[in-house]
Amino acid sequence: MNKQERLAIYDACEKKWGKIAQYDQCIEEMAELTVAINKLKRKTCYGEYTNNPKIEENFIEEIADVSLCIEQLTHWVGEEKVRKVLEEKLTKLSQYLQ
């Protein structure tokens, strides 16, 4: 699916459910990613969940869900605005690494 098709879906979501519901969905997806990160960390660092092969699959799924949310939110506030701040933050991070 190309970017224009994805953006059209986000616009349809806004029209059908409204921004507030979409904000709530984004919050839920970010919380689910937090849980998935903790489970992956516990599996890889502490040996928990060793018999659960779904931990990595769930982690990837939650990254995808949050990525959709990020793209939707970016579409709403303006891609150029987000890109500008992202570049500033990357520059700052690069300076910390030196």
N, C-alpha and C. Protein backbone atom coordinates (compact mmCIF):
# COMPACT_ATOMS: atom_id res chain seq x y z
N MET A 1 0.85 -1.18 0.00
CA MET A 1 0.00 0.00 0.00
C MET A 1 0.90 1.24 0.00
N ASN A 2 0.59 2.19 -0.85
CA ASN A 2 1.43 3.38 -0.91
C ASN A 2 0.99 4.41 0.14
N LYS A 3 1.80 5.44 0.28
CA LYS A 3 1.57 6.44 1.33
C LYS A 3 0.23 7.15 1.16
N GLN A 4 -0.12 7.52 -0.04
CA GLN A 4 -1.40 8.21 -0.26
C GLN A 4 -2.58 7.34 0.16
N GLU A 5 -2.50 6.06 -0.10
CA GLU A 5 -3.57 5.14 0.31
C GLU A 5 -3.65 5.06 1.84
N ARG A 6 -2.48 5.03 2.49
CA ARG A 6 -2.47 4.99 3.95
C ARG A 6 -3.06 6.28 4.53
N LEU A 7 -2.68 7.42 3.97
CA LEU A 7 -3.20 8.69 4.46
C LEU A 7 -4.71 8.78 4.28
N ALA A 8 -5.22 8.23 3.19
CA ALA A 8 -6.67 8.21 2.96
C ALA A 8 -7.36 7.37 4.02
N ILE A 9 -6.74 6.28 4.43
CA ILE A 9 -7.30 5.45 5.50
C ILE A 9 -7.33 6.23 6.81
N TYR A 10 -6.26 6.95 7.11
CA TYR A 10 -6.23 7.75 8.34
C TYR A 10 -7.32 8.81 8.33
N ASP A 11 -7.52 9.44 7.18
CA ASP A 11 -8.59 10.44 7.06
C ASP A 11 -9.96 9.80 7.27
N ALA A 12 -10.14 8.59 6.74
CA ALA A 12 -11.40 7.87 6.93
C ALA A 12 -11.62 7.50 8.39
N CYS A 13 -10.56 7.12 9.08
CA CYS A 13 -10.66 6.81 10.51
C CYS A 13 -11.08 8.05 11.29
N GLU A 14 -10.47 9.18 10.96
CA GLU A 14 -10.83 10.43 11.64
C GLU A 14 -12.30 10.77 11.39
N LYS A 15 -12.74 10.60 10.16
CA LYS A 15 -14.12 10.91 9.82
C LYS A 15 -15.09 9.96 10.53
N LYS A 16 -14.74 8.68 10.59
CA LYS A 16 -15.65 7.69 11.19
C LYS A 16 -15.68 7.76 12.72
N TRP A 17 -14.50 7.84 13.35
CA TRP A 17 -14.43 7.75 14.81
C TRP A 17 -14.06 9.05 15.50
N GLY A 18 -13.45 9.98 14.77
CA GLY A 18 -13.01 11.24 15.37
C GLY A 18 -11.59 11.16 15.93
N LYS A 19 -10.99 12.33 16.08
CA LYS A 19 -9.61 12.37 16.55
C LYS A 19 -9.46 11.87 17.98
N ILE A 20 -10.42 12.18 18.84
CA ILE A 20 -10.30 11.76 20.24
C ILE A 20 -10.19 10.25 20.34
N ALA A 21 -11.05 9.55 19.62
CA ALA A 21 -11.00 8.07 19.64
C ALA A 21 -9.67 7.57 19.07
N GLN A 22 -9.18 8.25 18.04
CA GLN A 22 -7.91 7.84 17.45
C GLN A 22 -6.75 8.13 18.39
N TYR A 23 -6.81 9.25 19.12
CA TYR A 23 -5.80 9.51 20.14
C TYR A 23 -5.81 8.41 21.19
N ASP A 24 -7.01 8.04 21.64
CA ASP A 24 -7.12 6.96 22.63
C ASP A 24 -6.55 5.65 22.09
N GLN A 25 -6.81 5.37 20.82
CA GLN A 25 -6.27 4.15 20.21
C GLN A 25 -4.75 4.19 20.20
N CYS A 26 -4.19 5.35 19.88
CA CYS A 26 -2.73 5.48 19.88
C CYS A 26 -2.15 5.25 21.27
N ILE A 27 -2.81 5.78 22.28
CA ILE A 27 -2.36 5.57 23.66
C ILE A 27 -2.37 4.08 24.00
N GLU A 28 -3.44 3.41 23.62
CA GLU A 28 -3.55 1.97 23.87
C GLU A 28 -2.43 1.20 23.16
N GLU A 29 -2.18 1.55 21.90
CA GLU A 29 -1.14 0.85 21.15
C GLU A 29 0.24 1.08 21.76
N MET A 30 0.50 2.31 22.22
CA MET A 30 1.80 2.59 22.85
C MET A 30 1.95 1.81 24.15
N ALA A 31 0.86 1.67 24.90
CA ALA A 31 0.90 0.88 26.13
C ALA A 31 1.18 -0.59 25.82
N GLU A 32 0.56 -1.08 24.76
CA GLU A 32 0.80 -2.48 24.37
C GLU A 32 2.25 -2.68 23.93
N LEU A 33 2.85 -1.68 23.26
CA LEU A 33 4.26 -1.79 22.90
C LEU A 33 5.13 -1.79 24.15
N THR A 34 4.77 -0.99 25.13
CA THR A 34 5.52 -0.98 26.39
C THR A 34 5.54 -2.36 27.01
N VAL A 35 4.39 -3.01 27.06
CA VAL A 35 4.30 -4.37 27.62
C VAL A 35 5.14 -5.33 26.79
N ALA A 36 5.06 -5.22 25.46
CA ALA A 36 5.82 -6.12 24.59
C ALA A 36 7.32 -5.93 24.78
N ILE A 37 7.76 -4.69 24.95
CA ILE A 37 9.19 -4.43 25.20
C ILE A 37 9.62 -5.06 26.51
N ASN A 38 8.82 -4.89 27.55
CA ASN A 38 9.17 -5.49 28.84
C ASN A 38 9.25 -7.00 28.77
N LYS A 39 8.31 -7.62 28.06
CA LYS A 39 8.35 -9.08 27.93
C LYS A 39 9.56 -9.54 27.13
N LEU A 40 9.89 -8.82 26.06
CA LEU A 40 11.08 -9.18 25.29
C LEU A 40 12.34 -9.03 26.13
N LYS A 41 12.40 -7.95 26.89
CA LYS A 41 13.55 -7.74 27.77
C LYS A 41 13.66 -8.86 28.80
N ARG A 42 12.52 -9.22 29.39
CA ARG A 42 12.55 -10.30 30.38
C ARG A 42 12.93 -11.62 29.75
N LYS A 43 12.56 -11.84 28.50
CA LYS A 43 12.95 -13.08 27.82
C LYS A 43 14.43 -13.08 27.49
N THR A 44 14.92 -11.98 26.92
CA THR A 44 16.31 -11.96 26.45
C THR A 44 17.32 -11.71 27.57
N CYS A 45 16.92 -10.99 28.61
CA CYS A 45 17.87 -10.65 29.67
C CYS A 45 17.77 -11.54 30.90
N TYR A 46 16.57 -12.05 31.16
CA TYR A 46 16.35 -12.75 32.42
C TYR A 46 15.86 -14.18 32.25
N GLY A 47 15.74 -14.64 31.02
CA GLY A 47 15.39 -16.03 30.78
C GLY A 47 13.93 -16.38 31.02
N GLU A 48 13.08 -15.38 31.17
CA GLU A 48 11.65 -15.67 31.31
C GLU A 48 11.03 -15.89 29.93
N TYR A 49 9.88 -16.47 29.87
CA TYR A 49 9.14 -16.70 28.62
C TYR A 49 9.92 -17.53 27.61
N THR A 50 10.82 -18.38 28.09
CA THR A 50 11.66 -19.14 27.16
C THR A 50 10.86 -20.10 26.29
N ASN A 51 9.71 -20.53 26.78
CA ASN A 51 8.89 -21.46 26.00
C ASN A 51 7.82 -20.74 25.18
N ASN A 52 7.92 -19.43 25.05
CA ASN A 52 6.92 -18.67 24.33
C ASN A 52 7.54 -18.01 23.09
N PRO A 53 7.41 -18.65 21.93
CA PRO A 53 8.00 -18.09 20.72
C PRO A 53 7.24 -16.86 20.19
N LYS A 54 6.10 -16.56 20.77
CA LYS A 54 5.28 -15.45 20.30
C LYS A 54 5.75 -14.09 20.81
N ILE A 55 6.69 -14.08 21.75
CA ILE A 55 7.16 -12.82 22.33
C ILE A 55 7.72 -11.90 21.25
N GLU A 56 8.61 -12.42 20.40
CA GLU A 56 9.20 -11.60 19.34
C GLU A 56 8.14 -11.19 18.32
N GLU A 57 7.25 -12.12 17.96
CA GLU A 57 6.19 -11.82 17.00
C GLU A 57 5.29 -10.70 17.52
N ASN A 58 4.93 -10.76 18.80
CA ASN A 58 4.09 -9.73 19.39
C ASN A 58 4.80 -8.39 19.42
N PHE A 59 6.09 -8.41 19.73
CA PHE A 59 6.91 -7.20 19.75
C PHE A 59 6.87 -6.51 18.38
N ILE A 60 7.07 -7.27 17.32
CA ILE A 60 7.04 -6.73 15.96
C ILE A 60 5.66 -6.20 15.62
N GLU A 61 4.62 -6.94 16.00
CA GLU A 61 3.25 -6.49 15.73
C GLU A 61 2.97 -5.16 16.42
N GLU A 62 3.42 -5.02 17.65
CA GLU A 62 3.17 -3.77 18.38
C GLU A 62 3.97 -2.61 17.80
N ILE A 63 5.18 -2.88 17.31
CA ILE A 63 5.94 -1.83 16.62
C ILE A 63 5.15 -1.36 15.40
N ALA A 64 4.60 -2.29 14.65
CA ALA A 64 3.81 -1.94 13.46
C ALA A 64 2.59 -1.11 13.84
N ASP A 65 1.90 -1.51 14.90
CA ASP A 65 0.72 -0.76 15.34
C ASP A 65 1.08 0.68 15.71
N VAL A 66 2.15 0.83 16.47
CA VAL A 66 2.57 2.17 16.89
C VAL A 66 3.07 2.97 15.68
N SER A 67 3.72 2.30 14.75
CA SER A 67 4.16 2.99 13.53
C SER A 67 2.99 3.56 12.76
N LEU A 68 1.90 2.81 12.68
CA LEU A 68 0.69 3.32 12.04
C LEU A 68 0.18 4.56 12.78
N CYS A 69 0.16 4.48 14.09
CA CYS A 69 -0.30 5.62 14.89
C CYS A 69 0.59 6.84 14.68
N ILE A 70 1.88 6.63 14.66
CA ILE A 70 2.82 7.74 14.47
C ILE A 70 2.59 8.40 13.11
N GLU A 71 2.39 7.57 12.08
CA GLU A 71 2.16 8.13 10.76
C GLU A 71 0.84 8.91 10.72
N GLN A 72 -0.17 8.39 11.39
CA GLN A 72 -1.46 9.08 11.44
C GLN A 72 -1.33 10.42 12.16
N LEU A 73 -0.70 10.43 13.32
CA LEU A 73 -0.53 11.67 14.07
C LEU A 73 0.31 12.67 13.30
N THR A 74 1.35 12.18 12.65
CA THR A 74 2.21 13.04 11.83
C THR A 74 1.42 13.67 10.70
N HIS A 75 0.56 12.89 10.08
CA HIS A 75 -0.30 13.39 9.01
C HIS A 75 -1.17 14.53 9.52
N TRP A 76 -1.68 14.39 10.72
CA TRP A 76 -2.57 15.41 11.28
C TRP A 76 -1.86 16.71 11.62
N VAL A 77 -0.66 16.62 12.17
CA VAL A 77 0.03 17.85 12.60
C VAL A 77 0.92 18.44 11.52
N GLY A 78 1.26 17.65 10.53
CA GLY A 78 2.09 18.13 9.43
C GLY A 78 3.44 17.45 9.41
N GLU A 79 3.68 16.78 8.32
CA GLU A 79 4.92 16.01 8.19
C GLU A 79 6.16 16.89 8.25
N GLU A 80 6.11 18.04 7.66
CA GLU A 80 7.27 18.94 7.67
C GLU A 80 7.61 19.40 9.08
N LYS A 81 6.60 19.69 9.88
CA LYS A 81 6.84 20.10 11.27
C LYS A 81 7.53 19.00 12.04
N VAL A 82 7.04 17.78 11.88
CA VAL A 82 7.62 16.64 12.60
C VAL A 82 9.04 16.37 12.09
N ARG A 83 9.23 16.42 10.79
CA ARG A 83 10.55 16.16 10.21
C ARG A 83 11.57 17.18 10.72
N LYS A 84 11.17 18.44 10.84
CA LYS A 84 12.08 19.48 11.32
C LYS A 84 12.54 19.18 12.75
N VAL A 85 11.60 18.86 13.62
CA VAL A 85 11.95 18.57 15.01
C VAL A 85 12.76 17.27 15.10
N LEU A 86 12.42 16.30 14.28
CA LEU A 86 13.18 15.04 14.26
C LEU A 86 14.63 15.30 13.87
N GLU A 87 14.85 16.13 12.87
CA GLU A 87 16.22 16.46 12.46
C GLU A 87 16.97 17.17 13.59
N GLU A 88 16.30 18.08 14.28
CA GLU A 88 16.93 18.77 15.41
C GLU A 88 17.33 17.77 16.49
N LYS A 89 16.45 16.83 16.77
CA LYS A 89 16.73 15.84 17.81
C LYS A 89 17.86 14.89 17.40
N LEU A 90 17.89 14.53 16.12
CA LEU A 90 18.97 13.68 15.63
C LEU A 90 20.32 14.39 15.70
N THR A 91 20.32 15.67 15.39
CA THR A 91 21.54 16.46 15.51
C THR A 91 22.02 16.49 16.95
N LYS A 92 21.10 16.72 17.87
CA LYS A 92 21.44 16.75 19.30
C LYS A 92 21.96 15.40 19.76
N LEU A 93 21.32 14.32 19.32
CA LEU A 93 21.76 12.97 19.69
C LEU A 93 23.14 12.70 19.15
N SER A 94 23.40 13.12 17.92
CA SER A 94 24.71 12.94 17.31
C SER A 94 25.78 13.66 18.11
N GLN A 95 25.46 14.85 18.61
CA GLN A 95 26.42 15.61 19.41
C GLN A 95 26.70 14.90 20.74
N TYR A 96 25.69 14.29 21.32
CA TYR A 96 25.90 13.54 22.57
C TYR A 96 26.84 12.35 22.35
N LEU A 97 26.81 11.79 21.17
CA LEU A 97 27.64 10.62 20.89
C LEU A 97 29.11 10.96 20.66
N GLN A 98 29.40 12.23 20.44
CA GLN A 98 30.79 12.64 20.17
C GLN A 98 31.55 12.92 21.44
